[in-house]
Structure formats: structure tokens, C-alpha cells
C-alpha atoms as a PDB file:
ATOM      1  CA  UNK A   1     114.001 161.716  99.454  1.00  0.00           C
ATOM      2  CA  UNK A   2     112.824 158.623 101.284  1.00  0.00           C
ATOM      3  CA  UNK A   3     113.574 155.338  99.671  1.00  0.00           C
ATOM      4  CA  UNK A   4     113.097 151.985 100.385  1.00  0.00           C
ATOM      5  CA  UNK A   5     115.160 149.359  98.322  1.00  0.00           C
ATOM      6  CA  UNK A   6     115.484 145.743  98.004  1.00  0.00           C
ATOM      7  CA  UNK A   7     117.163 142.708  96.359  1.00  0.00           C
ATOM      8  CA  UNK A   8     115.897 139.474  96.340  1.00  0.00           C
ATOM      9  CA  UNK A   9     117.964 137.923  93.508  1.00  0.00           C
ATOM     10  CA  UNK A  10     120.119 135.784  95.735  1.00  0.00           C
ATOM     11  CA  UNK A  11     120.099 133.165  98.964  1.00  0.00           C
ATOM     12  CA  UNK A  12     119.843 136.441 100.898  1.00  0.00           C
ATOM     13  CA  UNK A  13     117.188 139.039 100.387  1.00  0.00           C
ATOM     14  CA  UNK A  14     118.317 142.544 101.624  1.00  0.00           C
ATOM     15  CA  UNK A  15     116.669 145.771 102.298  1.00  0.00           C
ATOM     16  CA  UNK A  16     117.552 149.124 102.994  1.00  0.00           C
ATOM     17  CA  UNK A  17     115.901 152.545 103.786  1.00  0.00           C
ATOM     18  CA  UNK A  18     117.652 155.912 103.025  1.00  0.00           C
ATOM     19  CA  UNK A  19     116.637 159.644 103.380  1.00  0.00           C
ATOM     20  CA  UNK A  20     119.031 161.310 101.006  1.00  0.00           C
ATOM     21  CA  UNK A  21     122.494 160.591 101.847  1.00  0.00           C
ATOM     22  CA  UNK A  22     121.631 158.941 105.396  1.00  0.00           C
ATOM     23  CA  UNK A  23     120.953 155.284 105.316  1.00  0.00           C
ATOM     24  CA  UNK A  24     118.539 154.986 107.965  1.00  0.00           C
ATOM     25  CA  UNK A  25     118.273 151.053 108.381  1.00  0.00           C
ATOM     26  CA  UNK A  26     119.431 147.902 106.896  1.00  0.00           C
ATOM     27  CA  UNK A  27     118.245 144.234 107.122  1.00  0.00           C
ATOM     28  CA  UNK A  28     118.686 140.868 105.638  1.00  0.00           C
ATOM     29  CA  UNK A  29     117.220 137.332 105.886  1.00  0.00           C
ATOM     30  CA  UNK A  30     117.648 134.081 104.204  1.00  0.00           C
ATOM     31  CA  UNK A  31     115.533 133.607 101.020  1.00  0.00           C
ATOM     32  CA  UNK A  32     113.640 130.494 100.291  1.00  0.00           C
ATOM     33  CA  UNK A  33     110.249 129.002  99.966  1.00  0.00           C
ATOM     34  CA  UNK A  34     108.981 131.366 102.591  1.00  0.00           C
ATOM     35  CA  UNK A  35     110.387 134.482 101.116  1.00  0.00           C
ATOM     36  CA  UNK A  36     106.588 135.612 100.153  1.00  0.00           C
ATOM     37  CA  UNK A  37     105.420 135.575 103.626  1.00  0.00           C
ATOM     38  CA  UNK A  38     108.516 137.089 105.214  1.00  0.00           C
ATOM     39  CA  UNK A  39     108.885 139.999 102.825  1.00  0.00           C
ATOM     40  CA  UNK A  40     105.976 142.195 103.908  1.00  0.00           C
ATOM     41  CA  UNK A  41     106.730 141.668 107.678  1.00  0.00           C
ATOM     42  CA  UNK A  42     110.466 142.470 107.124  1.00  0.00           C
ATOM     43  CA  UNK A  43     109.625 145.512 105.080  1.00  0.00           C
ATOM     44  CA  UNK A  44     107.199 146.617 108.003  1.00  0.00           C
ATOM     45  CA  UNK A  45     110.215 145.956 110.532  1.00  0.00           C
ATOM     46  CA  UNK A  46     112.728 147.934 108.513  1.00  0.00           C
ATOM     47  CA  UNK A  47     110.453 150.940 108.305  1.00  0.00           C
ATOM     48  CA  UNK A  48     109.570 150.918 112.063  1.00  0.00           C
ATOM     49  CA  UNK A  49     113.527 150.800 112.474  1.00  0.00           C
ATOM     50  CA  UNK A  50     114.022 153.589 110.170  1.00  0.00           C
ATOM     51  CA  UNK A  51     111.219 155.841 111.895  1.00  0.00           C
ATOM     52  CA  UNK A  52     109.128 156.105 108.674  1.00  0.00           C
ATOM     53  CA  UNK A  53     105.612 155.147 107.818  1.00  0.00           C
ATOM     54  CA  UNK A  54     105.020 153.321 104.380  1.00  0.00           C
ATOM     55  CA  UNK A  55     102.987 156.519 103.061  1.00  0.00           C
ATOM     56  CA  UNK A  56     106.194 158.503 103.697  1.00  0.00           C
ATOM     57  CA  UNK A  57     108.272 156.809 101.075  1.00  0.00           C
ATOM     58  CA  UNK A  58     108.799 158.936  98.174  1.00  0.00           C
ATOM     59  CA  UNK A  59     110.205 156.016  95.986  1.00  0.00           C
ATOM     60  CA  UNK A  60     111.587 152.550  95.603  1.00  0.00           C
ATOM     61  CA  UNK A  61     114.571 150.632  94.263  1.00  0.00           C
ATOM     62  CA  UNK A  62     114.949 146.972  93.389  1.00  0.00           C
ATOM     63  CA  UNK A  63     118.037 144.900  92.476  1.00  0.00           C
ATOM     64  CA  UNK A  64     117.211 143.596  89.104  1.00  0.00           C
ATOM     65  CA  UNK A  65     119.302 140.497  88.908  1.00  0.00           C
ATOM     66  CA  UNK A  66     120.453 138.216  87.318  1.00  0.00           C
ATOM     67  CA  UNK A  67     119.582 135.500  90.022  1.00  0.00           C
ATOM     68  CA  UNK A  68     116.761 133.529  91.240  1.00  0.00           C
ATOM     69  CA  UNK A  69     113.616 133.662  88.760  1.00  0.00           C
ATOM     70  CA  UNK A  70     111.159 133.187  91.689  1.00  0.00           C
ATOM     71  CA  UNK A  71     113.158 135.571  94.227  1.00  0.00           C
ATOM     72  CA  UNK A  72     113.298 138.457  91.701  1.00  0.00           C
ATOM     73  CA  UNK A  73     109.586 137.921  90.619  1.00  0.00           C
ATOM     74  CA  UNK A  74     108.627 138.217  94.385  1.00  0.00           C
ATOM     75  CA  UNK A  75     110.753 141.254  95.014  1.00  0.00           C
ATOM     76  CA  UNK A  76     109.631 142.990  91.925  1.00  0.00           C
ATOM     77  CA  UNK A  77     105.903 142.348  92.883  1.00  0.00           C
ATOM     78  CA  UNK A  78     106.240 143.830  96.306  1.00  0.00           C
ATOM     79  CA  UNK A  79     108.227 146.825  95.061  1.00  0.00           C
ATOM     80  CA  UNK A  80     105.817 147.445  92.268  1.00  0.00           C
ATOM     81  CA  UNK A  81     102.724 147.091  94.614  1.00  0.00           C
ATOM     82  CA  UNK A  82     103.881 149.434  96.917  1.00  0.00           C
ATOM     83  CA  UNK A  83     105.173 152.016  94.408  1.00  0.00           C
ATOM     84  CA  UNK A  84     102.327 151.864  91.894  1.00  0.00           C
ATOM     85  CA  UNK A  85      99.632 152.158  94.691  1.00  0.00           C
ATOM     86  CA  UNK A  86     100.685 155.654  95.567  1.00  0.00           C
ATOM     87  CA  UNK A  87     102.004 156.492  92.149  1.00  0.00           C
ATOM     88  CA  UNK A  88     105.865 156.820  93.544  1.00  0.00           C
ATOM     89  CA  UNK A  89     108.897 156.161  91.385  1.00  0.00           C
ATOM     90  CA  UNK A  90     110.740 152.952  91.172  1.00  0.00           C
ATOM     91  CA  UNK A  91     114.437 152.392  90.074  1.00  0.00           C
ATOM     92  CA  UNK A  92     116.154 149.222  89.148  1.00  0.00           C
ATOM     93  CA  UNK A  93     119.807 148.341  89.346  1.00  0.00           C
ATOM     94  CA  UNK A  94     121.918 145.022  88.083  1.00  0.00           C
ATOM     95  CA  UNK A  95     122.429 143.040  91.226  1.00  0.00           C
ATOM     96  CA  UNK A  96     125.903 141.861  90.671  1.00  0.00           C
ATOM     97  CA  UNK A  97     126.842 145.419  89.869  1.00  0.00           C
ATOM     98  CA  UNK A  98     125.481 146.545  93.279  1.00  0.00           C
ATOM     99  CA  UNK A  99     127.476 143.821  94.886  1.00  0.00           C
ATOM    100  CA  UNK A 100     130.850 144.935  93.021  1.00  0.00           C
ATOM    101  CA  UNK A 101     129.807 148.813  94.014  1.00  0.00           C
ATOM    102  CA  UNK A 102     129.249 147.882  97.500  1.00  0.00           C
ATOM    103  CA  UNK A 103     132.775 146.271  97.761  1.00  0.00           C
ATOM    104  CA  UNK A 104     134.655 148.964  95.578  1.00  0.00           C
ATOM    105  CA  UNK A 105     133.306 151.887  97.921  1.00  0.00           C
ATOM    106  CA  UNK A 106     134.585 150.033 101.053  1.00  0.00           C
ATOM    107  CA  UNK A 107     137.508 150.676 103.124  1.00  0.00           C
ATOM    108  CA  UNK A 108     138.406 146.962 102.599  1.00  0.00           C
ATOM    109  CA  UNK A 109     138.954 147.572  98.799  1.00  0.00           C
ATOM    110  CA  UNK A 110     140.746 150.761  99.189  1.00  0.00           C
ATOM    111  CA  UNK A 111     143.309 149.449 101.686  1.00  0.00           C
ATOM    112  CA  UNK A 112     143.507 145.819 100.216  1.00  0.00           C
ATOM    113  CA  UNK A 113     143.190 144.212 103.783  1.00  0.00           C
ATOM    114  CA  UNK A 114     141.782 140.727 102.997  1.00  0.00           C
ATOM    115  CA  UNK A 115     144.323 138.637 101.099  1.00  0.00           C
ATOM    116  CA  UNK A 116     143.261 135.041  99.778  1.00  0.00           C
ATOM    117  CA  UNK A 117     144.689 132.368 101.653  1.00  0.00           C
ATOM    118  CA  UNK A 118     144.478 134.112 105.082  1.00  0.00           C
ATOM    119  CA  UNK A 119     141.615 134.409 107.317  1.00  0.00           C
ATOM    120  CA  UNK A 120     139.229 136.628 106.155  1.00  0.00           C
ATOM    121  CA  UNK A 121     138.981 140.148 107.927  1.00  0.00           C
ATOM    122  CA  UNK A 122     135.991 141.884 108.841  1.00  0.00           C
ATOM    123  CA  UNK A 123     135.836 145.422 106.759  1.00  0.00           C
ATOM    124  CA  UNK A 124     136.728 148.393 108.282  1.00  0.00           C
ATOM    125  CA  UNK A 125     133.964 150.248 106.374  1.00  0.00           C
ATOM    126  CA  UNK A 126     130.539 150.765 107.925  1.00  0.00           C
ATOM    127  CA  UNK A 127     127.600 152.906 106.107  1.00  0.00           C
ATOM    128  CA  UNK A 128     127.453 156.484 107.751  1.00  0.00           C
ATOM    129  CA  UNK A 129     126.017 159.757 107.197  1.00  0.00           C
ATOM    130  CA  UNK A 130     129.229 160.880 105.006  1.00  0.00           C
ATOM    131  CA  UNK A 131     127.453 158.999 102.091  1.00  0.00           C
ATOM    132  CA  UNK A 132     129.007 155.624 102.038  1.00  0.00           C
ATOM    133  CA  UNK A 133     132.272 156.936 100.513  1.00  0.00           C
ATOM    134  CA  UNK A 134     130.546 158.075  97.513  1.00  0.00           C
ATOM    135  CA  UNK A 135     132.466 161.285  97.586  1.00  0.00           C
ATOM    136  CA  UNK A 136     129.741 163.483  99.199  1.00  0.00           C
ATOM    137  CA  UNK A 137     131.425 166.433 100.996  1.00  0.00           C
ATOM    138  CA  UNK A 138     135.039 166.610 101.862  1.00  0.00           C
ATOM    139  CA  UNK A 139     137.268 163.824 103.678  1.00  0.00           C
ATOM    140  CA  UNK A 140     135.461 160.875 102.331  1.00  0.00           C
ATOM    141  CA  UNK A 141     137.775 157.852 100.927  1.00  0.00           C
ATOM    142  CA  UNK A 142     136.391 158.238  97.613  1.00  0.00           C
ATOM    143  CA  UNK A 143     137.650 161.954  97.377  1.00  0.00           C
ATOM    144  CA  UNK A 144     141.346 161.085  97.585  1.00  0.00           C
ATOM    145  CA  UNK A 145     141.357 159.946  93.902  1.00  0.00           C
ATOM    146  CA  UNK A 146     143.762 157.159  94.904  1.00  0.00           C
ATOM    147  CA  UNK A 147     143.462 154.176  92.490  1.00  0.00           C
ATOM    148  CA  UNK A 148     143.352 150.880  94.308  1.00  0.00           C
ATOM    149  CA  UNK A 149     146.397 148.519  93.651  1.00  0.00           C
ATOM    150  CA  UNK A 150     144.112 145.841  92.441  1.00  0.00           C
ATOM    151  CA  UNK A 151     140.661 147.597  90.918  1.00  0.00           C
ATOM    152  CA  UNK A 152     138.786 144.639  89.398  1.00  0.00           C
ATOM    153  CA  UNK A 153     135.956 142.687  90.983  1.00  0.00           C
ATOM    154  CA  UNK A 154     134.775 138.988  89.823  1.00  0.00           C
ATOM    155  CA  UNK A 155     131.235 138.673  91.279  1.00  0.00           C
ATOM    156  CA  UNK A 156     129.976 135.117  91.115  1.00  0.00           C
ATOM    157  CA  UNK A 157     126.532 133.755  92.268  1.00  0.00           C
ATOM    158  CA  UNK A 158     124.999 130.533  91.981  1.00  0.00           C
ATOM    159  CA  UNK A 159     122.464 129.707  89.054  1.00  0.00           C
ATOM    160  CA  UNK A 160     120.607 126.481  88.053  1.00  0.00           C
ATOM    161  CA  UNK A 161     122.207 122.986  87.539  1.00  0.00           C
ATOM    162  CA  UNK A 162     125.963 123.686  88.136  1.00  0.00           C
ATOM    163  CA  UNK A 163     126.023 127.135  86.453  1.00  0.00           C
ATOM    164  CA  UNK A 164     127.434 130.319  88.074  1.00  0.00           C
ATOM    165  CA  UNK A 165     126.418 133.862  87.247  1.00  0.00           C
ATOM    166  CA  UNK A 166     129.539 135.628  86.293  1.00  0.00           C
ATOM    167  CA  UNK A 167     130.136 139.415  86.270  1.00  0.00           C
ATOM    168  CA  UNK A 168     133.472 141.199  85.769  1.00  0.00           C
ATOM    169  CA  UNK A 169     133.675 144.718  86.837  1.00  0.00           C
ATOM    170  CA  UNK A 170     136.402 147.517  87.250  1.00  0.00           C
ATOM    171  CA  UNK A 171     136.864 150.590  89.268  1.00  0.00           C
ATOM    172  CA  UNK A 172     136.233 153.754  87.131  1.00  0.00           C
ATOM    173  CA  UNK A 173     135.395 157.359  88.036  1.00  0.00           C
ATOM    174  CA  UNK A 174     134.182 156.947  91.440  1.00  0.00           C
ATOM    175  CA  UNK A 175     132.157 153.764  90.549  1.00  0.00           C
ATOM    176  CA  UNK A 176     132.143 150.370  88.660  1.00  0.00           C
ATOM    177  CA  UNK A 177     131.616 149.362  85.211  1.00  0.00           C
ATOM    178  CA  UNK A 178     131.442 146.208  83.384  1.00  0.00           C
ATOM    179  CA  UNK A 179     134.631 145.149  81.979  1.00  0.00           C
ATOM    180  CA  UNK A 180     133.401 141.975  80.542  1.00  0.00           C
ATOM    181  CA  UNK A 181     129.617 140.819  79.635  1.00  0.00           C
ATOM    182  CA  UNK A 182     127.769 138.881  82.333  1.00  0.00           C
ATOM    183  CA  UNK A 183     127.493 135.390  81.675  1.00  0.00           C
ATOM    184  CA  UNK A 184     126.255 132.101  82.938  1.00  0.00           C
ATOM    185  CA  UNK A 185     129.086 129.488  82.825  1.00  0.00           C
ATOM    186  CA  UNK A 186     129.169 125.914  84.249  1.00  0.00           C
ATOM    187  CA  UNK A 187     131.510 125.597  87.312  1.00  0.00           C
ATOM    188  CA  UNK A 188     133.978 123.453  85.558  1.00  0.00           C
ATOM    189  CA  UNK A 189     134.113 125.773  82.570  1.00  0.00           C
ATOM    190  CA  UNK A 190     134.526 129.014  84.706  1.00  0.00           C
ATOM    191  CA  UNK A 191     136.761 131.392  83.039  1.00  0.00           C
ATOM    192  CA  UNK A 192     139.052 133.012  85.813  1.00  0.00           C
ATOM    193  CA  UNK A 193     140.707 136.366  84.751  1.00  0.00           C
ATOM    194  CA  UNK A 194     144.426 136.508  84.064  1.00  0.00           C
ATOM    195  CA  UNK A 195     145.144 139.275  86.332  1.00  0.00           C
ATOM    196  CA  UNK A 196     144.608 139.351  90.193  1.00  0.00           C
ATOM    197  CA  UNK A 197     141.213 140.291  91.261  1.00  0.00           C
ATOM    198  CA  UNK A 198     138.724 140.854  94.120  1.00  0.00           C
ATOM    199  CA  UNK A 199     136.393 137.922  94.518  1.00  0.00           C
ATOM    200  CA  UNK A 200     132.799 138.425  95.793  1.00  0.00           C
ATOM    201  CA  UNK A 201     129.272 137.375  95.576  1.00  0.00           C
ATOM    202  CA  UNK A 202     127.020 134.706  97.247  1.00  0.00           C
ATOM    203  CA  UNK A 203     128.760 131.920  95.617  1.00  0.00           C
ATOM    204  CA  UNK A 204     131.380 132.133  98.323  1.00  0.00           C
ATOM    205  CA  UNK A 205     128.827 130.843 100.717  1.00  0.00           C
ATOM    206  CA  UNK A 206     126.647 128.578  98.541  1.00  0.00           C
ATOM    207  CA  UNK A 207     129.196 126.984  96.074  1.00  0.00           C
ATOM    208  CA  UNK A 208     132.277 127.757  98.447  1.00  0.00           C
ATOM    209  CA  UNK A 209     134.287 124.576  97.677  1.00  0.00           C
ATOM    210  CA  UNK A 210     134.270 124.970  93.954  1.00  0.00           C
ATOM    211  CA  UNK A 211     134.971 128.847  94.169  1.00  0.00           C
ATOM    212  CA  UNK A 212     137.844 128.409  96.548  1.00  0.00           C
ATOM    213  CA  UNK A 213     139.347 125.868  94.532  1.00  0.00           C
ATOM    214  CA  UNK A 214     139.903 128.661  91.849  1.00  0.00           C
ATOM    215  CA  UNK A 215     141.119 131.423  93.965  1.00  0.00           C
ATOM    216  CA  UNK A 216     144.902 132.014  93.656  1.00  0.00           C
ATOM    217  CA  UNK A 217     147.177 133.495  96.288  1.00  0.00           C
ATOM    218  CA  UNK A 218     147.379 136.805  94.671  1.00  0.00           C
ATOM    219  CA  UNK A 219     143.731 137.225  94.459  1.00  0.00           C
ATOM    220  CA  UNK A 220     141.594 138.887  97.298  1.00  0.00           C
ATOM    221  CA  UNK A 221     138.477 137.431  99.002  1.00  0.00           C
ATOM    222  CA  UNK A 222     135.842 140.075 100.111  1.00  0.00           C
ATOM    223  CA  UNK A 223     134.735 139.900 103.615  1.00  0.00           C
ATOM    224  CA  UNK A 224     131.363 138.137 104.355  1.00  0.00           C
ATOM    225  CA  UNK A 225     129.666 141.782 104.694  1.00  0.00           C
ATOM    226  CA  UNK A 226     130.223 142.214 100.756  1.00  0.00           C
ATOM    227  CA  UNK A 227     128.790 139.105  99.400  1.00  0.00           C
ATOM    228  CA  UNK A 228     125.338 140.178  98.866  1.00  0.00           C
ATOM    229  CA  UNK A 229     123.969 143.179  96.993  1.00  0.00           C
ATOM    230  CA  UNK A 230     123.626 146.040  99.675  1.00  0.00           C
ATOM    231  CA  UNK A 231     120.298 147.303  99.602  1.00  0.00           C
ATOM    232  CA  UNK A 232     121.072 150.504 101.767  1.00  0.00           C
ATOM    233  CA  UNK A 233     123.269 151.606  99.099  1.00  0.00           C
ATOM    234  CA  UNK A 234     120.916 150.953  96.459  1.00  0.00           C
ATOM    235  CA  UNK A 235     118.169 153.057  98.687  1.00  0.00           C
ATOM    236  CA  UNK A 236     121.085 155.751  99.030  1.00  0.00           C
ATOM    237  CA  UNK A 237     122.011 156.104  95.138  1.00  0.00           C
ATOM    238  CA  UNK A 238     118.256 156.361  94.422  1.00  0.00           C
ATOM    239  CA  UNK A 239     117.569 158.815  97.229  1.00  0.00           C
ATOM    240  CA  UNK A 240     120.508 161.146  96.044  1.00  0.00           C
ATOM    241  CA  UNK A 241     119.593 161.116  92.194  1.00  0.00           C
ATOM    242  CA  UNK A 242     122.608 158.848  91.149  1.00  0.00           C
ATOM    243  CA  UNK A 243     120.324 156.309  89.283  1.00  0.00           C
ATOM    244  CA  UNK A 244     118.967 158.529  86.755  1.00  0.00           C
ATOM    245  CA  UNK A 245     115.425 158.546  85.773  1.00  0.00           C
ATOM    246  CA  UNK A 246     112.992 155.793  87.302  1.00  0.00           C
ATOM    247  CA  UNK A 247     110.878 153.685  85.091  1.00  0.00           C
ATOM    248  CA  UNK A 248     108.258 155.227  83.322  1.00  0.00           C
ATOM    249  CA  UNK A 249     104.663 155.073  84.424  1.00  0.00           C
ATOM    250  CA  UNK A 250     103.519 152.744  81.649  1.00  0.00           C
ATOM    251  CA  UNK A 251     107.021 150.779  81.362  1.00  0.00           C
ATOM    252  CA  UNK A 252     106.900 147.109  81.781  1.00  0.00           C
ATOM    253  CA  UNK A 253     109.279 146.304  84.926  1.00  0.00           C
ATOM    254  CA  UNK A 254     110.852 142.898  84.335  1.00  0.00           C
ATOM    255  CA  UNK A 255     113.885 141.401  86.320  1.00  0.00           C
ATOM    256  CA  UNK A 256     116.952 140.966  84.482  1.00  0.00           C
ATOM    257  CA  UNK A 257     117.681 137.390  83.011  1.00  0.00           C
ATOM    258  CA  UNK A 258     120.349 135.863  80.920  1.00  0.00           C
ATOM    259  CA  UNK A 259     117.944 134.998  78.043  1.00  0.00           C
ATOM    260  CA  UNK A 260     120.589 132.304  76.474  1.00  0.00           C
ATOM    261  CA  UNK A 261     121.079 130.774  79.822  1.00  0.00           C
ATOM    262  CA  UNK A 262     117.373 130.572  80.515  1.00  0.00           C
ATOM    263  CA  UNK A 263     116.797 129.107  76.847  1.00  0.00           C
ATOM    264  CA  UNK A 264     119.740 126.525  77.283  1.00  0.00           C
ATOM    265  CA  UNK A 265     118.155 125.425  80.675  1.00  0.00           C
ATOM    266  CA  UNK A 266     114.707 125.046  79.599  1.00  0.00           C
ATOM    267  CA  UNK A 267     116.061 122.752  76.673  1.00  0.00           C
ATOM    268  CA  UNK A 268     117.874 120.465  78.739  1.00  0.00           C
ATOM    269  CA  UNK A 269     115.193 120.308  81.389  1.00  0.00           C
END
């Protein structure tokens, strides 16, 4: 199944194309005021790189946030326009969970090679036809059933007016699950886990000083390749049937926003 996926929830827009287990192409570009104008040409570019015509796509997948209100709306509109014009299925997936999953499926996570307080190493893992370590076939890292010594991932992305979106995830059954509810917290009130954790998310780039001021020597930083939601993985998950049923034809597709935070922001604006 040929799938185009994108995530526009953060400061970097990621795109990916997969055909079944094979990730055919991935790309990314900086988000901003020109995202609307850049997205269509970037989609055309990645399809050309993958050797697929738009008409050959069999479905679409979108990172659902939380994140930038404008960015998410742009991404959803693009995917919905492409999907619904050809009556193709569309899947959504939480963006912070996708970031955590991309890290958790990597060799870096398995081996624990990047420790906080030392120079960040580049990951040993790269996407390949073996299924991004999702356990397809024999010989993959996921098939070893080895439990990582540190199996929790804290994902932080910048929000509005000094807030972070905070997600805590734990490795479980060849994937990640939320270990705490997603929250929006002020930088100065950010709740840091008691136990050592992996730290990832776009805030390592956009609010680096604030985050690094909280990271402890026993925590581990994800390499930069894992700070943003991997759209190639999202495309692969949809193309291999791991996202369940797509949105219904008459179902209203909406990005995920933390309602309490959005309400609080409006009240103080």
C-alpha cells in the first residue's frame, strides 16, 4: 500500500512516503509563515523522489498534534484535500507519541549510546527495508525482546507564551504507550520525572537552554535526528496496517489540541 504521510505540528514539517514496509523517501523543511506555499511543492518533490505519481497513492497519514495551531490546520487541509478528492483513506496519529516511537525503535534507544552531558552522538539506526525495527521478519532489533535499561521517553515541544507540551511514554510490547496524560506546562513549572529518562522533542532546539537546565547526568538526550515526528515511520505504520481503521468518510477530522491549555491561553490573551 502506497502512503504519503506528513506532520506539521512543530517547527519542522516532516514528510514521508512508504510502500508497505519500504520507506521510499523522507524529507523535512522549516515551518513558518511560508508553510502554506512550501507544502505543495515539497509533496511534489518527495513523490518524484519516491517514483510515485499522486494518483498512485492509496492513502494518507497525518500527525495530529498537539502543536502549532496554524501548522496543524495547514497539514490537515493538505492531506484532506488529496485524500478526499480521490476518496482515499486517511489516518491520524499523535505527534508526540510518533516522536517517542521513532526514538524507541532506534538502535540508539536499544543500545543507550547518547548520554546527557557528553557530545550528542549520531544514531546508528537508519530506515531500511527491514521495517524500521518494527519486528518484520527475523533478525530485527525489535525481535530480540530485550528490554532497554532506560525505557521511558520524555517528549517536549514548545507551545505558546512560555509553555511546553509535555508527553511521557514508556516502551511496551514493541511500541510506546502514554505513561502520563499529555499536558501543557509552563517552563518554570515543568514536572521532571523522578527516574532517569530519554529526552527528545523539538524543544531541544527551540528552547534548548531551558531544557538543558533541567536535564540531569543520568538522563539521556536523543540525537537530533529524533527530535521531530518521523513521517516516514508514520507512512510505514499506515501502509502495513498498524494504525487500525482510517477515519470514516463522514467523520470530521480535527487536529488534537489540549483544550484546557487553549482555553487558558485565550483567557490571558
